[in-house]
Amino acid sequence: IFFLFFLEIIVMLNENESNQEKGELSELEWVDLRKDLATSQSYTETSSNKFVRKFKENPFVPIGCLTTAVILCFGLHSFKKGTTMRSQKLMRMRVLAQGFTVIAMLFGVFKATTIAKKK
């Protein structure tokens, strides 16, 4: 039994050495790496900083969301007042604004992937 245990330890050490030769990290080295990364990250991004950064990257998405929300509020208000023609027009405008927002999001994703491919 002791011989089998000893043999298993030797096999594990050989596998660990071959992984290190390939440049792979062992399980314990991953834990150390995660701890090092966690301690080295001194800057945490606040939600307002993240909003400003994302707005600078693709300003059309928040503008489209805001436009959609404003048109929706006006459409619901006119529906409540009973002006159905105006309400219908505003709801159609809302759909167009939502479409613009979705296209802006897709453009942002496309732009981010092309930038990532260049790096």
Protein backbone atom coordinates (compact mmCIF):
# COMPACT_ATOMS: atom_id res chain seq x y z
CA ILE A 1 0.00 0.00 0.00
CA PHE A 2 2.81 2.38 0.86
CA PHE A 3 4.47 1.57 -2.45
CA LEU A 4 1.30 2.46 -4.41
CA PHE A 5 0.97 5.73 -2.53
CA PHE A 6 4.61 6.56 -3.22
CA LEU A 7 4.18 5.65 -6.90
CA GLU A 8 1.13 7.91 -7.18
CA ILE A 9 3.07 10.86 -5.71
CA ILE A 10 5.85 10.31 -8.24
CA VAL A 11 3.35 10.28 -11.11
CA MET A 12 1.75 13.52 -9.87
CA LEU A 13 5.15 15.22 -9.60
CA ASN A 14 6.04 14.15 -13.14
CA GLU A 15 2.74 15.53 -14.46
CA ASN A 16 3.35 18.79 -12.62
CA GLU A 17 6.84 19.11 -14.10
CA SER A 18 5.54 18.43 -17.63
CA ASN A 19 2.82 21.05 -17.17
CA GLN A 20 5.39 23.59 -16.00
CA GLU A 21 7.53 22.84 -19.04
CA LYS A 22 4.51 23.57 -21.24
CA GLY A 23 3.91 26.86 -19.42
CA GLU A 24 0.75 25.71 -17.68
CA LEU A 25 0.03 26.62 -14.08
CA SER A 26 -0.82 24.05 -11.46
CA GLU A 27 -3.92 24.35 -9.32
CA LEU A 28 -2.11 25.89 -6.38
CA GLU A 29 -0.30 28.37 -8.61
CA TRP A 30 -3.70 29.55 -9.91
CA VAL A 31 -4.78 30.28 -6.34
CA ASP A 32 -1.60 32.28 -5.73
CA LEU A 33 -2.08 34.12 -9.01
CA ARG A 34 -5.66 35.07 -8.09
CA LYS A 35 -4.51 36.37 -4.70
CA ASP A 36 -1.78 38.43 -6.33
CA LEU A 37 -4.22 39.91 -8.82
CA ALA A 38 -6.74 40.71 -6.10
CA THR A 39 -4.17 42.57 -4.02
CA SER A 40 -2.71 44.44 -6.99
CA GLN A 41 -6.06 45.91 -8.06
CA SER A 42 -6.20 49.07 -5.99
CA TYR A 43 -8.62 50.97 -8.27
CA THR A 44 -12.27 50.01 -8.23
CA GLU A 45 -14.56 51.70 -10.71
CA THR A 46 -17.66 53.36 -9.29
CA SER A 47 -20.96 53.17 -11.12
CA SER A 48 -20.82 56.84 -12.13
CA ASN A 49 -17.29 56.41 -13.51
CA LYS A 50 -18.43 53.35 -15.42
CA PHE A 51 -21.41 55.24 -16.86
CA VAL A 52 -19.15 58.08 -18.05
CA ARG A 53 -16.68 55.61 -19.59
CA LYS A 54 -19.42 53.67 -21.37
CA PHE A 55 -21.09 56.90 -22.53
CA LYS A 56 -17.81 58.02 -24.08
CA GLU A 57 -17.37 54.64 -25.80
CA ASN A 58 -20.85 54.59 -27.37
CA PRO A 59 -23.00 57.66 -26.64
CA PHE A 60 -25.91 56.55 -28.84
CA VAL A 61 -27.11 53.80 -26.49
CA PRO A 62 -27.94 56.00 -23.46
CA ILE A 63 -29.31 58.70 -25.75
CA GLY A 64 -31.55 56.10 -27.44
CA CYS A 65 -32.70 54.73 -24.08
CA LEU A 66 -33.53 58.19 -22.81
CA THR A 67 -35.36 59.08 -26.02
CA THR A 68 -37.36 55.84 -25.86
CA ALA A 69 -38.33 56.51 -22.24
CA VAL A 70 -39.39 60.10 -22.94
CA ILE A 71 -41.50 59.10 -25.96
CA LEU A 72 -43.08 56.28 -23.92
CA CYS A 73 -44.02 58.69 -21.13
CA PHE A 74 -45.55 61.17 -23.57
CA GLY A 75 -47.40 58.32 -25.32
CA LEU A 76 -48.84 57.01 -22.06
CA HIS A 77 -49.81 60.52 -21.02
CA SER A 78 -51.64 61.15 -24.28
CA PHE A 79 -53.31 57.72 -24.01
CA LYS A 80 -54.52 58.68 -20.53
CA LYS A 81 -55.89 61.98 -21.87
CA GLY A 82 -57.77 60.13 -24.59
CA THR A 83 -56.02 61.47 -27.69
CA THR A 84 -55.69 58.16 -29.45
CA MET A 85 -54.20 59.44 -32.74
CA ARG A 86 -51.38 61.21 -30.94
CA SER A 87 -50.88 58.21 -28.67
CA GLN A 88 -50.59 55.87 -31.68
CA LYS A 89 -48.04 58.16 -33.35
CA LEU A 90 -45.97 58.36 -30.17
CA MET A 91 -46.03 54.58 -29.73
CA ARG A 92 -44.80 54.17 -33.32
CA MET A 93 -42.06 56.69 -32.60
CA ARG A 94 -41.17 54.69 -29.50
CA VAL A 95 -40.73 51.55 -31.60
CA LEU A 96 -38.44 53.47 -33.96
CA ALA A 97 -36.44 54.80 -31.01
CA GLN A 98 -36.10 51.27 -29.62
CA GLY A 99 -34.90 50.07 -33.01
CA PHE A 100 -32.33 52.86 -33.09
CA THR A 101 -31.14 51.85 -29.62
CA VAL A 102 -30.78 48.19 -30.60
CA ILE A 103 -28.83 49.15 -33.73
CA ALA A 104 -26.60 51.40 -31.60
CA MET A 105 -25.94 48.51 -29.20
CA LEU A 106 -25.06 46.19 -32.09
CA PHE A 107 -22.74 48.85 -33.50
CA GLY A 108 -21.04 49.13 -30.10
CA VAL A 109 -20.55 45.37 -29.91
CA PHE A 110 -19.15 45.30 -33.45
CA LYS A 111 -16.82 48.17 -32.67
CA ALA A 112 -15.59 46.51 -29.45
CA THR A 113 -14.91 43.20 -31.19
CA THR A 114 -12.96 44.85 -34.01
CA ILE A 115 -10.86 46.76 -31.47
CA ALA A 116 -10.24 43.54 -29.51
CA LYS A 117 -9.17 41.73 -32.70
CA LYS A 118 -6.66 44.48 -33.50
CA LYS A 119 -4.99 44.06 -30.10
